[in-house]
Amino acid sequence: MLQKLFSIIISLVISISAGAQGTCIINGNIADSKLADGSKIKAVSLMRADENGQKTEVAVAKVKKGEYTFKNEPVLMYTIAGFGEDNDIELFIEAGEITVSTPSAAEPCMSTVTGTPTNDTYTEYKAILNNRENEIATMVKELVNTAGHNEEAIKKLQARESIKTRSQIIRFLIDHNTSPMTPFEIEHTLLPILSTAYADQIVKSVSTTLHSHPYYHSLRNKVL
């Protein structure tokens, strides 16, 4: 009898643990809750975008003392909305606990998303892009200061540096070819600027561990 009870308890613990492992918990913190118009943010929405970019509201969470929480089964990329038009925070929903830190509700673009492998990788990736944007802006400013506002020279500099940026993007995605963000970013960032032949090569660089992932299927279908 005692052994049977022990077995039931063990089964229950395993079941609960499995459920917890498959759930994504998002803990958000907003240091300054004032929006750009001066009002305080009262709630945020968890949104999911389909292949056409159309967003659907999945859940709503009240913001209390600058904090909010979402619990959701892991399904691809979502956004957190409520900060104004086109000011959503991007994050990948996956098993584990995610922390979203927003310094100011008026500038959600400054948020950091950490806590799970894909979100950590995506944060690193976006930091590289932001650094490149800042570097190019500085180069343009220095060029204008030394050579005046020469449109042709500025365009040449921007074209040269955009090629370097693209190379860095490709290298980063290949180095992280086991992350679900890789096929997602290849489809949304690289496909529009690559030839079909080169795009096909990039797709082949995605790890076989992702070949059953919806983002890989979507990417492959776009290339085909």
Protein backbone atom coordinates (compact mmCIF):
# COMPACT_ATOMS: atom_id res chain seq x y z
CA MET A 1 0.00 0.00 0.00
CA LEU A 2 2.79 2.40 0.99
CA GLN A 3 4.78 1.49 -2.10
CA LYS A 4 1.74 2.15 -4.31
CA LEU A 5 1.18 5.54 -2.67
CA PHE A 6 4.86 6.36 -3.16
CA SER A 7 4.59 5.47 -6.87
CA ILE A 8 1.54 7.71 -7.28
CA ILE A 9 3.37 10.63 -5.63
CA ILE A 10 6.44 10.12 -7.84
CA SER A 11 4.23 10.02 -10.97
CA LEU A 12 2.48 13.21 -9.90
CA VAL A 13 5.79 15.01 -9.29
CA ILE A 14 7.09 13.94 -12.69
CA SER A 15 3.87 15.11 -14.33
CA ILE A 16 4.00 18.50 -12.61
CA SER A 17 7.71 18.91 -13.45
CA ALA A 18 7.09 18.11 -17.11
CA GLY A 19 4.30 20.67 -17.22
CA ALA A 20 6.48 23.32 -15.58
CA GLN A 21 9.34 22.62 -18.00
CA GLY A 22 7.04 23.18 -20.97
CA THR A 23 5.66 26.48 -19.69
CA CYS A 24 7.15 29.88 -20.34
CA ILE A 25 6.92 32.41 -17.51
CA ILE A 26 7.51 36.04 -18.44
CA ASN A 27 8.31 38.42 -15.60
CA GLY A 28 8.26 42.05 -16.70
CA ASN A 29 9.52 45.08 -14.85
CA ILE A 30 9.02 48.71 -15.94
CA ALA A 31 11.17 51.12 -13.93
CA ASP A 32 9.35 54.25 -15.16
CA SER A 33 5.67 53.53 -15.97
CA LYS A 34 4.99 56.86 -17.69
CA LEU A 35 4.23 56.63 -21.41
CA ALA A 36 5.32 59.21 -23.99
CA ASP A 37 2.06 61.16 -23.52
CA GLY A 38 2.59 61.38 -19.75
CA SER A 39 -0.07 58.83 -18.75
CA LYS A 40 0.81 55.68 -16.80
CA ILE A 41 0.78 52.29 -18.48
CA LYS A 42 -1.93 50.13 -16.87
CA ALA A 43 -1.74 46.91 -18.86
CA VAL A 44 0.30 45.16 -21.51
CA SER A 45 -0.75 42.58 -24.10
CA LEU A 46 1.01 39.45 -25.31
CA MET A 47 0.70 39.39 -29.11
CA ARG A 48 1.45 36.79 -31.73
CA ALA A 49 2.07 37.58 -35.41
CA ASP A 50 1.19 35.21 -38.24
CA GLU A 51 3.19 34.72 -41.46
CA ASN A 52 1.59 37.84 -42.96
CA GLY A 53 2.53 40.01 -40.00
CA GLN A 54 -1.03 40.23 -38.67
CA LYS A 55 -1.00 40.38 -34.86
CA THR A 56 -3.46 38.64 -32.54
CA GLU A 57 -3.83 39.34 -28.83
CA VAL A 58 -3.13 36.18 -26.81
CA ALA A 59 -3.28 37.49 -23.24
CA VAL A 60 -3.49 40.69 -21.16
CA ALA A 61 -1.65 41.42 -17.91
CA LYS A 62 -2.19 44.33 -15.53
CA VAL A 63 0.85 46.41 -14.65
CA LYS A 64 1.06 46.76 -10.86
CA LYS A 65 3.86 48.80 -9.34
CA GLY A 66 5.70 48.46 -12.63
CA GLU A 67 5.50 44.66 -12.71
CA TYR A 68 3.52 42.15 -14.80
CA THR A 69 3.57 38.40 -15.51
CA PHE A 70 2.51 36.15 -18.39
CA LYS A 71 2.38 32.35 -18.49
CA ASN A 72 2.15 30.70 -21.86
CA GLU A 73 2.99 27.49 -23.64
CA PRO A 74 6.12 27.89 -25.78
CA VAL A 75 5.10 28.85 -29.32
CA LEU A 76 7.58 30.80 -31.47
CA MET A 77 7.98 34.58 -31.38
CA TYR A 78 5.55 36.93 -29.65
CA THR A 79 5.54 40.63 -28.83
CA ILE A 80 4.48 42.59 -25.75
CA ALA A 81 2.31 45.56 -26.72
CA GLY A 82 0.73 48.47 -24.86
CA PHE A 83 3.49 51.04 -25.23
CA GLY A 84 2.05 52.81 -28.26
CA GLU A 85 1.90 52.08 -31.99
CA ASP A 86 4.86 50.12 -33.42
CA ASN A 87 6.57 50.03 -30.01
CA ASP A 88 6.18 46.33 -29.21
CA ILE A 89 8.85 44.33 -27.38
CA GLU A 90 9.94 41.20 -29.28
CA LEU A 91 10.66 37.95 -27.47
CA PHE A 92 10.74 34.22 -28.15
CA ILE A 93 8.34 32.14 -26.07
CA GLU A 94 10.09 28.96 -24.96
CA ALA A 95 10.20 26.76 -21.89
CA GLY A 96 11.78 28.52 -18.94
CA GLU A 97 11.59 31.85 -17.14
CA ILE A 98 12.10 35.09 -19.06
CA THR A 99 12.85 38.51 -17.59
CA VAL A 100 11.85 41.62 -19.54
CA SER A 101 13.47 44.80 -18.15
CA THR A 102 12.14 48.11 -19.47
CA PRO A 103 13.87 51.28 -18.21
CA SER A 104 11.00 53.49 -19.41
CA ALA A 105 7.54 52.79 -20.83
CA ALA A 106 8.14 55.75 -23.16
CA GLU A 107 11.10 53.91 -24.74
CA PRO A 108 10.30 50.18 -24.85
CA CYS A 109 12.97 49.76 -27.53
CA MET A 110 15.52 50.00 -24.71
CA SER A 111 14.14 46.84 -23.06
CA THR A 112 16.31 43.77 -22.52
CA VAL A 113 14.96 40.22 -22.70
CA THR A 114 16.97 37.51 -20.94
CA GLY A 115 16.59 34.14 -19.24
CA THR A 116 16.25 31.52 -21.98
CA PRO A 117 18.77 30.46 -24.67
CA THR A 118 16.94 31.85 -27.72
CA ASN A 119 16.18 35.19 -26.09
CA ASP A 120 19.77 35.55 -24.87
CA THR A 121 21.04 34.85 -28.39
CA TYR A 122 18.51 37.23 -29.94
CA THR A 123 19.52 39.98 -27.48
CA GLU A 124 23.18 39.50 -28.43
CA TYR A 125 22.25 39.59 -32.13
CA LYS A 126 20.26 42.84 -31.80
CA ALA A 127 23.12 44.42 -29.82
CA ILE A 128 25.45 43.76 -32.76
CA LEU A 129 22.99 45.43 -35.16
CA ASN A 130 22.56 48.43 -32.86
CA ASN A 131 26.33 48.81 -32.51
CA ARG A 132 26.75 48.72 -36.26
CA GLU A 133 24.07 51.40 -36.71
CA ASN A 134 25.83 53.62 -34.18
CA GLU A 135 29.22 53.02 -35.81
CA ILE A 136 27.90 53.93 -39.27
CA ALA A 137 26.18 57.05 -37.91
CA THR A 138 29.49 58.12 -36.32
CA MET A 139 31.35 57.50 -39.60
CA VAL A 140 28.85 59.59 -41.54
CA LYS A 141 29.13 62.40 -38.98
CA GLU A 142 32.95 62.36 -39.21
CA LEU A 143 32.79 62.35 -43.02
CA VAL A 144 30.48 65.37 -43.02
CA ASN A 145 32.78 67.19 -40.59
CA THR A 146 35.86 66.61 -42.77
CA ALA A 147 34.50 66.62 -46.33
CA GLY A 148 31.23 68.53 -46.02
CA HIS A 149 27.80 67.19 -46.86
CA ASN A 150 28.82 65.14 -49.92
CA GLU A 151 25.81 62.94 -50.80
CA GLU A 152 27.79 60.66 -53.13
CA ALA A 153 30.54 60.06 -50.56
CA ILE A 154 27.95 59.37 -47.84
CA LYS A 155 26.11 56.85 -50.04
CA LYS A 156 29.37 55.06 -50.87
CA LEU A 157 30.28 54.84 -47.19
CA GLN A 158 26.82 53.56 -46.23
CA ALA A 159 26.87 50.97 -49.04
CA ARG A 160 30.33 49.73 -48.03
CA GLU A 161 29.40 49.48 -44.37
CA SER A 162 26.05 47.80 -45.08
CA ILE A 163 27.97 45.00 -46.81
CA LYS A 164 30.13 44.61 -43.68
CA THR A 165 26.98 44.55 -41.54
CA ARG A 166 25.43 41.88 -43.75
CA SER A 167 28.59 39.77 -43.44
CA GLN A 168 28.46 40.06 -39.66
CA ILE A 169 24.80 39.03 -39.66
CA ILE A 170 25.50 35.97 -41.82
CA ARG A 171 28.48 34.97 -39.68
CA PHE A 172 26.48 35.31 -36.45
CA LEU A 173 23.55 33.28 -37.78
CA ILE A 174 25.81 30.52 -39.09
CA ASP A 175 27.66 30.41 -35.75
CA HIS A 176 24.26 30.02 -34.01
CA ASN A 177 22.68 27.69 -36.57
CA THR A 178 21.03 25.54 -33.88
CA SER A 179 18.96 28.45 -32.52
CA PRO A 180 15.32 28.88 -33.68
CA MET A 181 16.04 32.59 -34.20
CA THR A 182 18.40 31.73 -37.08
CA PRO A 183 15.82 30.54 -39.67
CA PHE A 184 13.49 33.30 -38.42
CA GLU A 185 16.08 36.04 -39.04
CA ILE A 186 17.27 34.55 -42.33
CA GLU A 187 13.70 34.71 -43.62
CA HIS A 188 12.90 38.20 -42.36
CA THR A 189 16.27 39.95 -42.71
CA LEU A 190 18.37 38.21 -45.37
CA LEU A 191 15.96 36.74 -47.93
CA PRO A 192 14.82 40.15 -49.26
CA ILE A 193 18.44 41.09 -50.13
CA LEU A 194 19.93 37.77 -51.28
CA SER A 195 19.84 35.98 -54.61
CA THR A 196 17.90 32.71 -54.67
CA ALA A 197 21.08 30.65 -55.12
CA TYR A 198 22.82 32.29 -52.16
CA ALA A 199 19.65 32.09 -50.07
CA ASP A 200 19.53 28.36 -50.76
CA GLN A 201 23.10 28.04 -49.49
CA ILE A 202 22.24 29.92 -46.30
CA VAL A 203 19.22 27.66 -45.70
CA LYS A 204 21.46 24.60 -45.97
CA SER A 205 23.63 26.02 -43.18
CA VAL A 206 20.74 25.71 -40.69
CA SER A 207 21.31 22.79 -38.32
CA THR A 208 19.39 19.58 -39.04
CA THR A 209 18.15 19.74 -35.43
CA LEU A 210 15.79 22.52 -36.61
CA HIS A 211 14.44 20.76 -39.69
CA SER A 212 11.20 19.93 -37.89
CA HIS A 213 10.81 23.48 -36.53
CA PRO A 214 8.02 25.68 -38.01
CA TYR A 215 10.50 28.51 -38.69
CA TYR A 216 12.67 26.23 -40.82
CA HIS A 217 9.62 25.02 -42.76
CA SER A 218 8.52 28.62 -43.34
CA LEU A 219 12.01 29.65 -44.50
CA ARG A 220 12.38 26.66 -46.81
CA ASN A 221 8.98 27.28 -48.38
CA LYS A 222 9.86 30.93 -49.02
CA VAL A 223 13.07 29.96 -50.78
CA LEU A 224 11.32 27.30 -52.85
